[in-house]
């Protein structure tokens, strides 16, 4: 009996990760969404470090360019995630209507 090809095995793991990730994300309650975003941003920061290591350790030009692209895309993901998290946290702040109307009357 032959062993399963590593490519097929990696594809199966990838499909299972997509399935599990989909069900985990869609069952998160809205109250936990902001902390989940913060943790996701931290994981993306770790991805940046891994992408920099992968880009530095490759020998081909294609590998280095793909590593640089991975670092750039992960950095955009981290920056955008923190912006979205900040906007979500601002939604929970109470608006001070009395102070703004009192200043306008005086």
PDB file of N, CA and C in Angstrom:
ATOM      1  N   UNK A   1       0.852  -1.174   0.000  1.00  0.00           N
ATOM      2  CA  UNK A   1       0.000   0.000   0.000  1.00  0.00           C
ATOM      3  C   UNK A   1       0.895   1.233   0.000  1.00  0.00           C
ATOM      4  N   UNK A   2       0.651   2.118  -0.938  1.00  0.00           N
ATOM      5  CA  UNK A   2       1.474   3.315  -1.047  1.00  0.00           C
ATOM      6  C   UNK A   2       0.996   4.384  -0.080  1.00  0.00           C
ATOM      7  N   UNK A   3       1.932   5.238   0.296  1.00  0.00           N
ATOM      8  CA  UNK A   3       1.589   6.343   1.189  1.00  0.00           C
ATOM      9  C   UNK A   3       0.866   7.421   0.401  1.00  0.00           C
ATOM     10  N   UNK A   4       0.108   8.232   1.098  1.00  0.00           N
ATOM     11  CA  UNK A   4      -0.620   9.335   0.467  1.00  0.00           C
ATOM     12  C   UNK A   4       0.377  10.428   0.114  1.00  0.00           C
ATOM     13  N   UNK A   5       0.169  11.048  -1.029  1.00  0.00           N
ATOM     14  CA  UNK A   5       1.044  12.119  -1.486  1.00  0.00           C
ATOM     15  C   UNK A   5       1.013  13.285  -0.496  1.00  0.00           C
ATOM     16  N   UNK A   6       2.158  13.914  -0.199  1.00  0.00           N
ATOM     17  CA  UNK A   6       2.168  15.055   0.720  1.00  0.00           C
ATOM     18  C   UNK A   6       1.302  16.221   0.230  1.00  0.00           C
ATOM     19  N   UNK A   7       1.197  16.377  -1.085  1.00  0.00           N
ATOM     20  CA  UNK A   7       0.346  17.443  -1.625  1.00  0.00           C
ATOM     21  C   UNK A   7      -1.120  17.185  -1.304  1.00  0.00           C
ATOM     22  N   UNK A   8      -1.561  15.956  -1.459  1.00  0.00           N
ATOM     23  CA  UNK A   8      -2.953  15.605  -1.150  1.00  0.00           C
ATOM     24  C   UNK A   8      -3.208  15.762   0.346  1.00  0.00           C
ATOM     25  N   UNK A   9      -2.257  15.342   1.154  1.00  0.00           N
ATOM     26  CA  UNK A   9      -2.399  15.466   2.601  1.00  0.00           C
ATOM     27  C   UNK A   9      -2.499  16.944   3.012  1.00  0.00           C
ATOM     28  N   UNK A  10      -1.653  17.790   2.437  1.00  0.00           N
ATOM     29  CA  UNK A  10      -1.710  19.226   2.737  1.00  0.00           C
ATOM     30  C   UNK A  10      -3.023  19.842   2.254  1.00  0.00           C
ATOM     31  N   UNK A  11      -3.525  19.399   1.120  1.00  0.00           N
ATOM     32  CA  UNK A  11      -4.804  19.897   0.608  1.00  0.00           C
ATOM     33  C   UNK A  11      -5.947  19.501   1.531  1.00  0.00           C
ATOM     34  N   UNK A  12      -5.929  18.295   2.033  1.00  0.00           N
ATOM     35  CA  UNK A  12      -6.967  17.847   2.970  1.00  0.00           C
ATOM     36  C   UNK A  12      -6.931  18.673   4.247  1.00  0.00           C
ATOM     37  N   UNK A  13      -5.747  18.924   4.772  1.00  0.00           N
ATOM     38  CA  UNK A  13      -5.614  19.741   5.989  1.00  0.00           C
ATOM     39  C   UNK A  13      -6.113  21.160   5.728  1.00  0.00           C
ATOM     40  N   UNK A  14      -5.796  21.707   4.557  1.00  0.00           N
ATOM     41  CA  UNK A  14      -6.238  23.054   4.204  1.00  0.00           C
ATOM     42  C   UNK A  14      -7.759  23.139   4.128  1.00  0.00           C
ATOM     43  N   UNK A  15      -8.391  22.169   3.498  1.00  0.00           N
ATOM     44  CA  UNK A  15      -9.859  22.162   3.380  1.00  0.00           C
ATOM     45  C   UNK A  15     -10.503  22.004   4.752  1.00  0.00           C
ATOM     46  N   UNK A  16      -9.955  21.147   5.588  1.00  0.00           N
ATOM     47  CA  UNK A  16     -10.500  20.985   6.949  1.00  0.00           C
ATOM     48  C   UNK A  16     -10.328  22.266   7.769  1.00  0.00           C
ATOM     49  N   UNK A  17      -9.203  22.962   7.596  1.00  0.00           N
ATOM     50  CA  UNK A  17      -8.990  24.220   8.317  1.00  0.00           C
ATOM     51  C   UNK A  17     -10.000  25.276   7.877  1.00  0.00           C
ATOM     52  N   UNK A  18     -10.306  25.316   6.586  1.00  0.00           N
ATOM     53  CA  UNK A  18     -11.322  26.255   6.092  1.00  0.00           C
ATOM     54  C   UNK A  18     -12.680  25.933   6.713  1.00  0.00           C
ATOM     55  N   UNK A  19     -13.035  24.659   6.734  1.00  0.00           N
ATOM     56  CA  UNK A  19     -14.329  24.244   7.287  1.00  0.00           C
ATOM     57  C   UNK A  19     -14.442  24.592   8.771  1.00  0.00           C
ATOM     58  N   UNK A  20     -13.431  24.246   9.533  1.00  0.00           N
ATOM     59  CA  UNK A  20     -13.455  24.531  10.972  1.00  0.00           C
ATOM     60  C   UNK A  20     -13.436  26.035  11.223  1.00  0.00           C
ATOM     61  N   UNK A  21     -12.599  26.765  10.490  1.00  0.00           N
ATOM     62  CA  UNK A  21     -12.532  28.217  10.653  1.00  0.00           C
ATOM     63  C   UNK A  21     -13.855  28.893  10.354  1.00  0.00           C
ATOM     64  N   UNK A  22     -14.534  28.452   9.312  1.00  0.00           N
ATOM     65  CA  UNK A  22     -15.840  29.019   8.954  1.00  0.00           C
ATOM     66  C   UNK A  22     -16.835  28.841  10.094  1.00  0.00           C
ATOM     67  N   UNK A  23     -16.914  27.645  10.626  1.00  0.00           N
ATOM     68  CA  UNK A  23     -17.889  27.381  11.686  1.00  0.00           C
ATOM     69  C   UNK A  23     -17.517  28.066  13.002  1.00  0.00           C
ATOM     70  N   UNK A  24     -16.238  28.218  13.276  1.00  0.00           N
ATOM     71  CA  UNK A  24     -15.821  28.902  14.500  1.00  0.00           C
ATOM     72  C   UNK A  24     -16.154  30.390  14.421  1.00  0.00           C
ATOM     73  N   UNK A  25     -15.870  31.016  13.290  1.00  0.00           N
ATOM     74  CA  UNK A  25     -16.097  32.459  13.159  1.00  0.00           C
ATOM     75  C   UNK A  25     -17.581  32.792  13.158  1.00  0.00           C
ATOM     76  N   UNK A  26     -18.410  32.000  12.493  1.00  0.00           N
ATOM     77  CA  UNK A  26     -19.826  32.326  12.406  1.00  0.00           C
ATOM     78  C   UNK A  26     -20.592  32.036  13.687  1.00  0.00           C
ATOM     79  N   UNK A  27     -20.005  31.318  14.643  1.00  0.00           N
ATOM     80  CA  UNK A  27     -20.702  31.065  15.902  1.00  0.00           C
ATOM     81  C   UNK A  27     -20.265  32.023  17.010  1.00  0.00           C
ATOM     82  N   UNK A  28     -19.419  32.997  16.689  1.00  0.00           N
ATOM     83  CA  UNK A  28     -18.965  33.958  17.695  1.00  0.00           C
ATOM     84  C   UNK A  28     -20.083  34.955  17.980  1.00  0.00           C
ATOM     85  N   UNK A  29     -20.351  35.188  19.252  1.00  0.00           N
ATOM     86  CA  UNK A  29     -21.369  36.178  19.623  1.00  0.00           C
ATOM     87  C   UNK A  29     -20.831  37.582  19.357  1.00  0.00           C
ATOM     88  N   UNK A  30     -21.707  38.547  19.102  1.00  0.00           N
ATOM     89  CA  UNK A  30     -21.232  39.910  18.828  1.00  0.00           C
ATOM     90  C   UNK A  30     -20.401  40.515  19.960  1.00  0.00           C
ATOM     91  N   UNK A  31     -20.657  40.124  21.196  1.00  0.00           N
ATOM     92  CA  UNK A  31     -19.892  40.673  22.320  1.00  0.00           C
ATOM     93  C   UNK A  31     -18.426  40.236  22.288  1.00  0.00           C
ATOM     94  N   UNK A  32     -18.155  39.102  21.671  1.00  0.00           N
ATOM     95  CA  UNK A  32     -16.785  38.593  21.622  1.00  0.00           C
ATOM     96  C   UNK A  32     -16.066  38.950  20.323  1.00  0.00           C
ATOM     97  N   UNK A  33     -16.739  39.667  19.442  1.00  0.00           N
ATOM     98  CA  UNK A  33     -16.138  39.948  18.143  1.00  0.00           C
ATOM     99  C   UNK A  33     -14.905  40.851  18.262  1.00  0.00           C
ATOM    100  N   UNK A  34     -14.963  41.886  19.103  1.00  0.00           N
ATOM    101  CA  UNK A  34     -13.824  42.798  19.245  1.00  0.00           C
ATOM    102  C   UNK A  34     -12.599  42.103  19.828  1.00  0.00           C
ATOM    103  N   UNK A  35     -12.728  41.329  20.912  1.00  0.00           N
ATOM    104  CA  UNK A  35     -11.538  40.610  21.389  1.00  0.00           C
ATOM    105  C   UNK A  35     -10.998  39.613  20.360  1.00  0.00           C
ATOM    106  N   UNK A  36     -11.894  38.997  19.594  1.00  0.00           N
ATOM    107  CA  UNK A  36     -11.446  38.067  18.566  1.00  0.00           C
ATOM    108  C   UNK A  36     -10.639  38.798  17.494  1.00  0.00           C
ATOM    109  N   UNK A  37     -11.059  40.000  17.129  1.00  0.00           N
ATOM    110  CA  UNK A  37     -10.315  40.794  16.147  1.00  0.00           C
ATOM    111  C   UNK A  37      -8.929  41.140  16.682  1.00  0.00           C
ATOM    112  N   UNK A  38      -8.835  41.480  17.961  1.00  0.00           N
ATOM    113  CA  UNK A  38      -7.544  41.837  18.537  1.00  0.00           C
ATOM    114  C   UNK A  38      -6.590  40.639  18.515  1.00  0.00           C
ATOM    115  N   UNK A  39      -7.099  39.457  18.813  1.00  0.00           N
ATOM    116  CA  UNK A  39      -6.268  38.258  18.797  1.00  0.00           C
ATOM    117  C   UNK A  39      -5.857  37.926  17.360  1.00  0.00           C
ATOM    118  N   UNK A  40      -6.765  38.119  16.423  1.00  0.00           N
ATOM    119  CA  UNK A  40      -6.445  37.876  15.019  1.00  0.00           C
ATOM    120  C   UNK A  40      -5.332  38.803  14.548  1.00  0.00           C
ATOM    121  N   UNK A  41      -5.356  40.054  15.007  1.00  0.00           N
ATOM    122  CA  UNK A  41      -4.286  40.981  14.644  1.00  0.00           C
ATOM    123  C   UNK A  41      -2.945  40.530  15.217  1.00  0.00           C
ATOM    124  N   UNK A  42      -2.960  40.002  16.420  1.00  0.00           N
ATOM    125  CA  UNK A  42      -1.718  39.506  17.012  1.00  0.00           C
ATOM    126  C   UNK A  42      -1.178  38.310  16.229  1.00  0.00           C
ATOM    127  N   UNK A  43      -2.065  37.440  15.782  1.00  0.00           N
ATOM    128  CA  UNK A  43      -1.636  36.286  14.986  1.00  0.00           C
ATOM    129  C   UNK A  43      -1.056  36.761  13.657  1.00  0.00           C
ATOM    130  N   UNK A  44      -1.668  37.784  13.059  1.00  0.00           N
ATOM    131  CA  UNK A  44      -1.152  38.318  11.798  1.00  0.00           C
ATOM    132  C   UNK A  44       0.230  38.935  11.987  1.00  0.00           C
ATOM    133  N   UNK A  45       0.477  39.501  13.148  1.00  0.00           N
ATOM    134  CA  UNK A  45       1.810  40.043  13.424  1.00  0.00           C
ATOM    135  C   UNK A  45       2.841  38.918  13.475  1.00  0.00           C
ATOM    136  N   UNK A  46       2.453  37.767  13.988  1.00  0.00           N
ATOM    137  CA  UNK A  46       3.353  36.617  13.995  1.00  0.00           C
ATOM    138  C   UNK A  46       3.592  36.128  12.569  1.00  0.00           C
ATOM    139  N   UNK A  47       2.565  36.230  11.732  1.00  0.00           N
ATOM    140  CA  UNK A  47       2.711  35.845  10.331  1.00  0.00           C
ATOM    141  C   UNK A  47       3.743  36.737   9.639  1.00  0.00           C
ATOM    142  N   UNK A  48       3.785  38.013   9.999  1.00  0.00           N
ATOM    143  CA  UNK A  48       4.777  38.920   9.424  1.00  0.00           C
ATOM    144  C   UNK A  48       6.196  38.444   9.753  1.00  0.00           C
ATOM    145  N   UNK A  49       6.413  38.050  10.991  1.00  0.00           N
ATOM    146  CA  UNK A  49       7.735  37.560  11.389  1.00  0.00           C
ATOM    147  C   UNK A  49       8.090  36.295  10.604  1.00  0.00           C
ATOM    148  N   UNK A  50       7.132  35.390  10.470  1.00  0.00           N
ATOM    149  CA  UNK A  50       7.378  34.171   9.700  1.00  0.00           C
ATOM    150  C   UNK A  50       7.643  34.459   8.235  1.00  0.00           C
ATOM    151  N   UNK A  51       6.927  35.412   7.669  1.00  0.00           N
ATOM    152  CA  UNK A  51       7.140  35.770   6.263  1.00  0.00           C
ATOM    153  C   UNK A  51       8.508  36.411   6.066  1.00  0.00           C
ATOM    154  N   UNK A  52       8.940  37.213   7.036  1.00  0.00           N
ATOM    155  CA  UNK A  52      10.282  37.801   6.923  1.00  0.00           C
ATOM    156  C   UNK A  52      11.361  36.721   6.992  1.00  0.00           C
ATOM    157  N   UNK A  53      11.169  35.751   7.871  1.00  0.00           N
ATOM    158  CA  UNK A  53      12.136  34.647   7.955  1.00  0.00           C
ATOM    159  C   UNK A  53      12.145  33.829   6.671  1.00  0.00           C
ATOM    160  N   UNK A  54      10.963  33.557   6.132  1.00  0.00           N
ATOM    161  CA  UNK A  54      10.885  32.778   4.902  1.00  0.00           C
ATOM    162  C   UNK A  54      11.522  33.535   3.742  1.00  0.00           C
ATOM    163  N   UNK A  55      11.306  34.843   3.683  1.00  0.00           N
ATOM    164  CA  UNK A  55      11.897  35.640   2.601  1.00  0.00           C
ATOM    165  C   UNK A  55      13.416  35.696   2.742  1.00  0.00           C
ATOM    166  N   UNK A  56      13.906  35.741   3.961  1.00  0.00           N
ATOM    167  CA  UNK A  56      15.351  35.835   4.174  1.00  0.00           C
ATOM    168  C   UNK A  56      16.058  34.513   3.894  1.00  0.00           C
ATOM    169  N   UNK A  57      15.388  33.408   4.102  1.00  0.00           N
ATOM    170  CA  UNK A  57      16.035  32.104   3.963  1.00  0.00           C
ATOM    171  C   UNK A  57      15.943  31.512   2.564  1.00  0.00           C
ATOM    172  N   UNK A  58      15.159  32.109   1.681  1.00  0.00           N
ATOM    173  CA  UNK A  58      15.070  31.568   0.322  1.00  0.00           C
ATOM    174  C   UNK A  58      16.263  32.023  -0.503  1.00  0.00           C
ATOM    175  N   UNK A  59      16.549  31.264  -1.544  1.00  0.00           N
ATOM    176  CA  UNK A  59      17.705  31.575  -2.382  1.00  0.00           C
ATOM    177  C   UNK A  59      17.307  32.106  -3.753  1.00  0.00           C
ATOM    178  N   UNK A  60      16.087  31.835  -4.177  1.00  0.00           N
ATOM    179  CA  UNK A  60      15.674  32.263  -5.511  1.00  0.00           C
ATOM    180  C   UNK A  60      15.034  33.644  -5.461  1.00  0.00           C
ATOM    181  N   UNK A  61      15.037  34.305  -6.593  1.00  0.00           N
ATOM    182  CA  UNK A  61      14.415  35.630  -6.684  1.00  0.00           C
ATOM    183  C   UNK A  61      12.908  35.525  -6.523  1.00  0.00           C
ATOM    184  N   UNK A  62      12.312  34.480  -7.081  1.00  0.00           N
ATOM    185  CA  UNK A  62      10.863  34.297  -6.939  1.00  0.00           C
ATOM    186  C   UNK A  62      10.486  34.102  -5.472  1.00  0.00           C
ATOM    187  N   UNK A  63      11.260  33.314  -4.740  1.00  0.00           N
ATOM    188  CA  UNK A  63      10.989  33.092  -3.323  1.00  0.00           C
ATOM    189  C   UNK A  63      11.102  34.371  -2.517  1.00  0.00           C
ATOM    190  N   UNK A  64      12.114  35.156  -2.804  1.00  0.00           N
ATOM    191  CA  UNK A  64      12.287  36.423  -2.081  1.00  0.00           C
ATOM    192  C   UNK A  64      11.159  37.396  -2.404  1.00  0.00           C
ATOM    193  N   UNK A  65      10.753  37.456  -3.664  1.00  0.00           N
ATOM    194  CA  UNK A  65       9.669  38.381  -4.029  1.00  0.00           C
ATOM    195  C   UNK A  65       8.344  37.932  -3.424  1.00  0.00           C
ATOM    196  N   UNK A  66       8.102  36.622  -3.374  1.00  0.00           N
ATOM    197  CA  UNK A  66       6.883  36.128  -2.725  1.00  0.00           C
ATOM    198  C   UNK A  66       6.918  36.405  -1.223  1.00  0.00           C
ATOM    199  N   UNK A  67       8.092  36.298  -0.619  1.00  0.00           N
ATOM    200  CA  UNK A  67       8.230  36.616   0.803  1.00  0.00           C
ATOM    201  C   UNK A  67       7.965  38.077   1.089  1.00  0.00           C
ATOM    202  N   UNK A  68       8.484  38.950   0.218  1.00  0.00           N
ATOM    203  CA  UNK A  68       8.233  40.388   0.389  1.00  0.00           C
ATOM    204  C   UNK A  68       6.746  40.691   0.203  1.00  0.00           C
ATOM    205  N   UNK A  69       6.119  40.042  -0.771  1.00  0.00           N
ATOM    206  CA  UNK A  69       4.681  40.218  -0.979  1.00  0.00           C
ATOM    207  C   UNK A  69       3.887  39.740   0.238  1.00  0.00           C
ATOM    208  N   UNK A  70       4.310  38.617   0.820  1.00  0.00           N
ATOM    209  CA  UNK A  70       3.632  38.100   2.017  1.00  0.00           C
ATOM    210  C   UNK A  70       3.769  39.064   3.186  1.00  0.00           C
ATOM    211  N   UNK A  71       4.943  39.646   3.353  1.00  0.00           N
ATOM    212  CA  UNK A  71       5.146  40.625   4.431  1.00  0.00           C
ATOM    213  C   UNK A  71       4.259  41.842   4.204  1.00  0.00           C
ATOM    214  N   UNK A  72       4.186  42.331   2.974  1.00  0.00           N
ATOM    215  CA  UNK A  72       3.372  43.511   2.675  1.00  0.00           C
ATOM    216  C   UNK A  72       1.884  43.236   2.918  1.00  0.00           C
ATOM    217  N   UNK A  73       1.394  42.103   2.453  1.00  0.00           N
ATOM    218  CA  UNK A  73      -0.026  41.787   2.640  1.00  0.00           C
ATOM    219  C   UNK A  73      -0.371  41.558   4.115  1.00  0.00           C
ATOM    220  N   UNK A  74       0.508  40.921   4.854  1.00  0.00           N
ATOM    221  CA  UNK A  74       0.258  40.720   6.284  1.00  0.00           C
ATOM    222  C   UNK A  74       0.280  42.046   7.029  1.00  0.00           C
ATOM    223  N   UNK A  75       1.162  42.970   6.617  1.00  0.00           N
ATOM    224  CA  UNK A  75       1.203  44.288   7.262  1.00  0.00           C
ATOM    225  C   UNK A  75      -0.081  45.066   6.992  1.00  0.00           C
ATOM    226  N   UNK A  76      -0.596  44.978   5.771  1.00  0.00           N
ATOM    227  CA  UNK A  76      -1.873  45.631   5.451  1.00  0.00           C
ATOM    228  C   UNK A  76      -2.989  45.020   6.288  1.00  0.00           C
ATOM    229  N   UNK A  77      -2.959  43.703   6.464  1.00  0.00           N
ATOM    230  CA  UNK A  77      -3.973  43.026   7.269  1.00  0.00           C
ATOM    231  C   UNK A  77      -3.924  43.483   8.724  1.00  0.00           C
ATOM    232  N   UNK A  78      -2.730  43.604   9.288  1.00  0.00           N
ATOM    233  CA  UNK A  78      -2.591  44.044  10.682  1.00  0.00           C
ATOM    234  C   UNK A  78      -3.090  45.476  10.831  1.00  0.00           C
ATOM    235  N   UNK A  79      -2.658  46.358   9.945  1.00  0.00           N
ATOM    236  CA  UNK A  79      -3.056  47.765  10.023  1.00  0.00           C
ATOM    237  C   UNK A  79      -4.573  47.910   9.876  1.00  0.00           C
ATOM    238  N   UNK A  80      -5.138  47.251   8.882  1.00  0.00           N
ATOM    239  CA  UNK A  80      -6.585  47.319   8.680  1.00  0.00           C
ATOM    240  C   UNK A  80      -7.361  46.720   9.836  1.00  0.00           C
ATOM    241  N   UNK A  81      -6.845  45.639  10.409  1.00  0.00           N
ATOM    242  CA  UNK A  81      -7.520  45.017  11.551  1.00  0.00           C
ATOM    243  C   UNK A  81      -7.552  45.926  12.764  1.00  0.00           C
ATOM    244  N   UNK A  82      -6.440  46.627  13.015  1.00  0.00           N
ATOM    245  CA  UNK A  82      -6.436  47.555  14.144  1.00  0.00           C
ATOM    246  C   UNK A  82      -7.360  48.747  13.897  1.00  0.00           C
ATOM    247  N   UNK A  83      -7.463  49.182  12.649  1.00  0.00           N
ATOM    248  CA  UNK A  83      -8.380  50.282  12.333  1.00  0.00           C
ATOM    249  C   UNK A  83      -9.831  49.855  12.553  1.00  0.00           C
ATOM    250  N   UNK A  84     -10.179  48.653  12.112  1.00  0.00           N
ATOM    251  CA  UNK A  84     -11.540  48.148  12.302  1.00  0.00           C
ATOM    252  C   UNK A  84     -11.831  47.962  13.788  1.00  0.00           C
ATOM    253  N   UNK A  85     -10.872  47.429  14.541  1.00  0.00           N
ATOM    254  CA  UNK A  85     -11.070  47.241  15.980  1.00  0.00           C
ATOM    255  C   UNK A  85     -11.274  48.578  16.672  1.00  0.00           C
ATOM    256  N   UNK A  86     -10.499  49.588  16.293  1.00  0.00           N
ATOM    257  CA  UNK A  86     -10.653  50.911  16.897  1.00  0.00           C
ATOM    258  C   UNK A  86     -12.039  51.493  16.592  1.00  0.00           C
ATOM    259  N   UNK A  87     -12.506  51.327  15.371  1.00  0.00           N
ATOM    260  CA  UNK A  87     -13.831  51.840  15.015  1.00  0.00           C
ATOM    261  C   UNK A  87     -14.930  51.104  15.774  1.00  0.00           C
ATOM    262  N   UNK A  88     -14.749  49.802  15.981  1.00  0.00           N
ATOM    263  CA  UNK A  88     -15.758  49.047  16.725  1.00  0.00           C
ATOM    264  C   UNK A  88     -15.776  49.475  18.183  1.00  0.00           C
ATOM    265  N   UNK A  89     -14.609  49.735  18.765  1.00  0.00           N
ATOM    266  CA  UNK A  89     -14.569  50.180  20.152  1.00  0.00           C
ATOM    267  C   UNK A  89     -15.170  51.570  20.311  1.00  0.00           C
ATOM    268  N   UNK A  90     -15.036  52.426  19.299  1.00  0.00           N
ATOM    269  CA  UNK A  90     -15.653  53.749  19.360  1.00  0.00           C
ATOM    270  C   UNK A  90     -17.174  53.665  19.347  1.00  0.00           C
ATOM    271  N   UNK A  91     -17.734  52.609  18.790  1.00  0.00           N
ATOM    272  CA  UNK A  91     -19.185  52.441  18.778  1.00  0.00           C
ATOM    273  C   UNK A  91     -19.728  52.227  20.180  1.00  0.00           C
ATOM    274  N   UNK A  92     -18.907  51.706  21.084  1.00  0.00           N
ATOM    275  CA  UNK A  92     -19.373  51.432  22.438  1.00  0.00           C
ATOM    276  C   UNK A  92     -19.223  52.630  23.367  1.00  0.00           C
ATOM    277  N   UNK A  93     -18.569  53.693  22.920  1.00  0.00           N
ATOM    278  CA  UNK A  93     -18.430  54.883  23.753  1.00  0.00           C
ATOM    279  C   UNK A  93     -19.752  55.637  23.792  1.00  0.00           C
ATOM    280  N   UNK A  94     -20.073  56.194  24.953  1.00  0.00           N
ATOM    281  CA  UNK A  94     -21.296  56.969  25.082  1.00  0.00           C
ATOM    282  C   UNK A  94     -21.069  58.363  24.527  1.00  0.00           C
ATOM    283  N   UNK A  95     -22.051  58.832  23.816  1.00  0.00           N
ATOM    284  CA  UNK A  95     -21.968  60.171  23.254  1.00  0.00           C
ATOM    285  C   UNK A  95     -22.448  61.173  24.303  1.00  0.00           C
ATOM    286  N   UNK A  96     -21.721  62.277  24.482  1.00  0.00           N
ATOM    287  CA  UNK A  96     -22.054  63.287  25.478  1.00  0.00           C
ATOM    288  C   UNK A  96     -22.848  64.399  24.796  1.00  0.00           C
ATOM    289  N   UNK A  97     -24.186  64.249  24.739  1.00  0.00           N
ATOM    290  CA  UNK A  97     -25.035  65.221  24.053  1.00  0.00           C
ATOM    291  C   UNK A  97     -25.237  66.485  24.893  1.00  0.00           C
ATOM    292  N   UNK A  98     -25.276  66.361  26.214  1.00  0.00           N
ATOM    293  CA  UNK A  98     -25.534  67.515  27.074  1.00  0.00           C
ATOM    294  C   UNK A  98     -24.399  68.534  26.988  1.00  0.00           C
ATOM    295  N   UNK A  99     -23.181  68.079  26.917  1.00  0.00           N
ATOM    296  CA  UNK A  99     -22.045  68.997  26.869  1.00  0.00           C
ATOM    297  C   UNK A  99     -22.017  69.748  25.538  1.00  0.00           C
ATOM    298  N   UNK A 100     -22.374  69.106  24.452  1.00  0.00           N
ATOM    299  CA  UNK A 100     -22.335  69.779  23.150  1.00  0.00           C
ATOM    300  C   UNK A 100     -23.492  70.775  23.012  1.00  0.00           C
ATOM    301  N   UNK A 101     -24.670  70.479  23.556  1.00  0.00           N
ATOM    302  CA  UNK A 101     -25.793  71.423  23.450  1.00  0.00           C
ATOM    303  C   UNK A 101     -25.643  72.574  24.435  1.00  0.00           C
ATOM    304  N   UNK A 102     -25.040  72.333  25.593  1.00  0.00           N
ATOM    305  CA  UNK A 102     -24.849  73.390  26.579  1.00  0.00           C
ATOM    306  C   UNK A 102     -23.822  74.416  26.058  1.00  0.00           C
ATOM    307  N   UNK A 103     -22.823  73.955  25.362  1.00  0.00           N
ATOM    308  CA  UNK A 103     -21.815  74.872  24.810  1.00  0.00           C
ATOM    309  C   UNK A 103     -22.382  75.727  23.690  1.00  0.00           C
ATOM    310  N   UNK A 104     -23.360  75.228  22.971  1.00  0.00           N
ATOM    311  CA  UNK A 104     -23.944  75.976  21.859  1.00  0.00           C
ATOM    312  C   UNK A 104     -24.873  77.081  22.353  1.00  0.00           C
ATOM    313  N   UNK A 105     -25.519  76.907  23.526  1.00  0.00           N
ATOM    314  CA  UNK A 105     -26.475  77.898  24.034  1.00  0.00           C
ATOM    315  C   UNK A 105     -25.765  79.091  24.651  1.00  0.00           C
ATOM    316  N   UNK A 106     -24.584  78.887  25.175  1.00  0.00           N
ATOM    317  CA  UNK A 106     -23.908  79.982  25.879  1.00  0.00           C
ATOM    318  C   UNK A 106     -23.249  80.955  24.984  1.00  0.00           C
TER     319      UNK A 106
END
